[in-house]
Each structure stands twice: as structure tokens, then as C-alpha cells.
């Protein structure tokens, strides 16, 4: 497998080491995942990323939070889409709160 090398500040290196430990992965695996994502971004997205980086740590944290939120929202929608493909609603339009709760339990129960 090819090897890449990168220089980074101590704070980033420390975060990579801690993340690797928490995820039971190597720092190299964390770095490879980051590079894998970066090289798949469009040129305009990479430009935007560099502009955010130039604004400093706070801007990076805010953009990272927004990117993470977008990924989680995408995953949530995919899970809902998969989970509801076989769902046939059984509730009347004027269902009570108890009926709605019971239906929610029914459709999320592991059979």
C-alpha cells in the first residue's frame, strides 16, 4: 500500500492520536480516511475549505459542525427511507396521542 507523509501542528497530531485510540484505529487509518474524503471534494469545495481554514479555528469548528450535521442528516434520511419502504399507515387522520405512540412502538419494534 502506498505511503503518504504530511506535516501538521501538534494540536492536530494530538487529536488524530486520541481519535485513533478512541476508535481502535491507527493514526494512519484516520489520516487515510481524511485524505480519501478531501480528494473527492469538488475543486470549489476544496477552495471553500481553504477559505474557512484561513479564518481560523473557530470558523473551522463551525464548518466542521455543519458538515457533520449534513452527514448525519443524510444518514438519518436514508435510514428512514429504508425503514419505511414496507410501512403501511394504519392510523386514522384523527388518531389520539396514545394511538400514535402505540403505532410508533409497533413500527420500530424488532421482530
C-alpha atoms as a PDB file:
ATOM      1  CA  UNK A   1       0.000   0.000   0.000  1.00  0.00           C
ATOM      2  CA  UNK A   2       1.428   3.431  -0.896  1.00  0.00           C
ATOM      3  CA  UNK A   3       2.515   5.705   1.943  1.00  0.00           C
ATOM      4  CA  UNK A   4       1.926   9.452   2.152  1.00  0.00           C
ATOM      5  CA  UNK A   5       3.546  11.813   4.598  1.00  0.00           C
ATOM      6  CA  UNK A   6       2.175  15.065   5.995  1.00  0.00           C
ATOM      7  CA  UNK A   7       3.283  17.799   8.351  1.00  0.00           C
ATOM      8  CA  UNK A   8       0.783  19.172  10.838  1.00  0.00           C
ATOM      9  CA  UNK A   9       0.681  21.190  14.032  1.00  0.00           C
ATOM     10  CA  UNK A  10       0.946  19.417  17.377  1.00  0.00           C
ATOM     11  CA  UNK A  11      -2.700  20.055  18.279  1.00  0.00           C
ATOM     12  CA  UNK A  12      -3.930  18.286  15.132  1.00  0.00           C
ATOM     13  CA  UNK A  13      -1.486  15.414  15.609  1.00  0.00           C
ATOM     14  CA  UNK A  14      -2.685  15.026  19.190  1.00  0.00           C
ATOM     15  CA  UNK A  15      -6.333  14.985  18.092  1.00  0.00           C
ATOM     16  CA  UNK A  16      -5.551  12.315  15.481  1.00  0.00           C
ATOM     17  CA  UNK A  17      -3.769  10.166  18.096  1.00  0.00           C
ATOM     18  CA  UNK A  18      -6.653  10.498  20.572  1.00  0.00           C
ATOM     19  CA  UNK A  19      -9.264   9.798  17.900  1.00  0.00           C
ATOM     20  CA  UNK A  20      -7.346   6.732  16.748  1.00  0.00           C
ATOM     21  CA  UNK A  21      -7.201   5.432  20.299  1.00  0.00           C
ATOM     22  CA  UNK A  22     -10.941   6.011  20.860  1.00  0.00           C
ATOM     23  CA  UNK A  23     -11.868   4.338  17.578  1.00  0.00           C
ATOM     24  CA  UNK A  24      -9.342   1.499  17.955  1.00  0.00           C
ATOM     25  CA  UNK A  25      -7.663   2.526  14.705  1.00  0.00           C
ATOM     26  CA  UNK A  26      -4.190   3.723  13.816  1.00  0.00           C
ATOM     27  CA  UNK A  27      -3.335   7.376  13.197  1.00  0.00           C
ATOM     28  CA  UNK A  28      -2.512   6.300   9.644  1.00  0.00           C
ATOM     29  CA  UNK A  29      -6.069   4.983   9.171  1.00  0.00           C
ATOM     30  CA  UNK A  30      -7.540   8.268  10.445  1.00  0.00           C
ATOM     31  CA  UNK A  31      -5.277  10.240   8.112  1.00  0.00           C
ATOM     32  CA  UNK A  32      -6.117   7.998   5.148  1.00  0.00           C
ATOM     33  CA  UNK A  33      -9.854   8.496   5.739  1.00  0.00           C
ATOM     34  CA  UNK A  34      -9.409  12.291   5.833  1.00  0.00           C
ATOM     35  CA  UNK A  35      -7.380  12.288   2.621  1.00  0.00           C
ATOM     36  CA  UNK A  36      -9.868   9.925   0.940  1.00  0.00           C
ATOM     37  CA  UNK A  37     -12.659  12.446   1.618  1.00  0.00           C
ATOM     38  CA  UNK A  38     -10.605  15.526   0.691  1.00  0.00           C
ATOM     39  CA  UNK A  39      -9.607  14.247  -2.747  1.00  0.00           C
ATOM     40  CA  UNK A  40     -13.256  13.513  -3.570  1.00  0.00           C
ATOM     41  CA  UNK A  41     -14.401  17.060  -2.877  1.00  0.00           C
ATOM     42  CA  UNK A  42     -15.031  19.270  -5.876  1.00  0.00           C
ATOM     43  CA  UNK A  43     -12.466  21.970  -6.633  1.00  0.00           C
ATOM     44  CA  UNK A  44     -14.890  24.640  -5.406  1.00  0.00           C
ATOM     45  CA  UNK A  45     -15.490  22.742  -2.151  1.00  0.00           C
ATOM     46  CA  UNK A  46     -11.725  22.447  -1.595  1.00  0.00           C
ATOM     47  CA  UNK A  47     -11.397  26.186  -2.249  1.00  0.00           C
ATOM     48  CA  UNK A  48     -14.151  26.866   0.286  1.00  0.00           C
ATOM     49  CA  UNK A  49     -12.387  24.616   2.790  1.00  0.00           C
ATOM     50  CA  UNK A  50      -9.164  26.582   2.380  1.00  0.00           C
ATOM     51  CA  UNK A  51     -11.036  29.880   2.806  1.00  0.00           C
ATOM     52  CA  UNK A  52     -12.573  28.578   6.043  1.00  0.00           C
ATOM     53  CA  UNK A  53      -9.149  27.431   7.263  1.00  0.00           C
ATOM     54  CA  UNK A  54      -7.772  30.924   6.643  1.00  0.00           C
ATOM     55  CA  UNK A  55     -10.419  32.317   9.015  1.00  0.00           C
ATOM     56  CA  UNK A  56      -9.049  30.361  11.980  1.00  0.00           C
ATOM     57  CA  UNK A  57     -10.005  27.683  14.454  1.00  0.00           C
ATOM     58  CA  UNK A  58     -13.476  28.995  15.309  1.00  0.00           C
ATOM     59  CA  UNK A  59     -14.502  29.047  11.641  1.00  0.00           C
ATOM     60  CA  UNK A  60     -13.082  25.544  11.196  1.00  0.00           C
ATOM     61  CA  UNK A  61     -15.051  24.250  14.201  1.00  0.00           C
ATOM     62  CA  UNK A  62     -18.273  25.834  12.915  1.00  0.00           C
ATOM     63  CA  UNK A  63     -17.801  24.467   9.390  1.00  0.00           C
ATOM     64  CA  UNK A  64     -16.884  21.016  10.726  1.00  0.00           C
ATOM     65  CA  UNK A  65     -20.037  21.007  12.860  1.00  0.00           C
ATOM     66  CA  UNK A  66     -22.152  21.989   9.818  1.00  0.00           C
ATOM     67  CA  UNK A  67     -20.518  19.320   7.629  1.00  0.00           C
ATOM     68  CA  UNK A  68     -21.024  16.701  10.337  1.00  0.00           C
ATOM     69  CA  UNK A  69     -24.661  17.736  10.728  1.00  0.00           C
ATOM     70  CA  UNK A  70     -25.195  17.391   6.957  1.00  0.00           C
ATOM     71  CA  UNK A  71     -23.706  13.870   7.023  1.00  0.00           C
ATOM     72  CA  UNK A  72     -25.878  12.835   9.976  1.00  0.00           C
ATOM     73  CA  UNK A  73     -28.995  14.319   8.360  1.00  0.00           C
ATOM     74  CA  UNK A  74     -28.231  12.374   5.171  1.00  0.00           C
ATOM     75  CA  UNK A  75     -27.770   9.147   7.143  1.00  0.00           C
ATOM     76  CA  UNK A  76     -30.982   9.742   9.103  1.00  0.00           C
ATOM     77  CA  UNK A  77     -32.972  10.269   5.887  1.00  0.00           C
ATOM     78  CA  UNK A  78     -31.509   7.099   4.361  1.00  0.00           C
ATOM     79  CA  UNK A  79     -32.425   5.095   7.468  1.00  0.00           C
ATOM     80  CA  UNK A  80     -35.966   6.460   7.404  1.00  0.00           C
ATOM     81  CA  UNK A  81     -36.304   5.741   3.694  1.00  0.00           C
ATOM     82  CA  UNK A  82     -35.145   2.133   4.171  1.00  0.00           C
ATOM     83  CA  UNK A  83     -37.243   1.607   7.258  1.00  0.00           C
ATOM     84  CA  UNK A  84     -40.457   2.965   5.833  1.00  0.00           C
ATOM     85  CA  UNK A  85     -40.406   1.189   2.471  1.00  0.00           C
ATOM     86  CA  UNK A  86     -42.716  -1.551   3.759  1.00  0.00           C
ATOM     87  CA  UNK A  87     -44.744   0.618   6.101  1.00  0.00           C
ATOM     88  CA  UNK A  88     -48.450   0.900   5.508  1.00  0.00           C
ATOM     89  CA  UNK A  89     -50.099   3.518   7.708  1.00  0.00           C
ATOM     90  CA  UNK A  90     -52.922   2.175   9.861  1.00  0.00           C
ATOM     91  CA  UNK A  91     -53.769   5.276  11.842  1.00  0.00           C
ATOM     92  CA  UNK A  92     -56.850   7.369  11.141  1.00  0.00           C
ATOM     93  CA  UNK A  93     -56.266  11.055  10.431  1.00  0.00           C
ATOM     94  CA  UNK A  94     -57.620  11.957  13.867  1.00  0.00           C
ATOM     95  CA  UNK A  95     -55.656   9.406  15.906  1.00  0.00           C
ATOM     96  CA  UNK A  96     -55.120  10.023  19.612  1.00  0.00           C
ATOM     97  CA  UNK A  97     -51.679  10.606  21.112  1.00  0.00           C
ATOM     98  CA  UNK A  98     -51.836   7.121  22.636  1.00  0.00           C
ATOM     99  CA  UNK A  99     -52.630   5.543  19.260  1.00  0.00           C
ATOM    100  CA  UNK A 100     -49.763   7.435  17.602  1.00  0.00           C
ATOM    101  CA  UNK A 101     -47.357   6.301  20.322  1.00  0.00           C
ATOM    102  CA  UNK A 102     -48.535   2.696  20.039  1.00  0.00           C
ATOM    103  CA  UNK A 103     -48.074   2.815  16.261  1.00  0.00           C
ATOM    104  CA  UNK A 104     -44.570   4.259  16.666  1.00  0.00           C
ATOM    105  CA  UNK A 105     -43.685   1.406  19.000  1.00  0.00           C
ATOM    106  CA  UNK A 106     -45.165  -1.120  16.589  1.00  0.00           C
ATOM    107  CA  UNK A 107     -43.219   0.043  13.540  1.00  0.00           C
ATOM    108  CA  UNK A 108     -39.902   0.334  15.407  1.00  0.00           C
ATOM    109  CA  UNK A 109     -40.155  -2.960  17.296  1.00  0.00           C
ATOM    110  CA  UNK A 110     -37.591  -5.614  16.357  1.00  0.00           C
ATOM    111  CA  UNK A 111     -39.420  -8.755  15.274  1.00  0.00           C
END
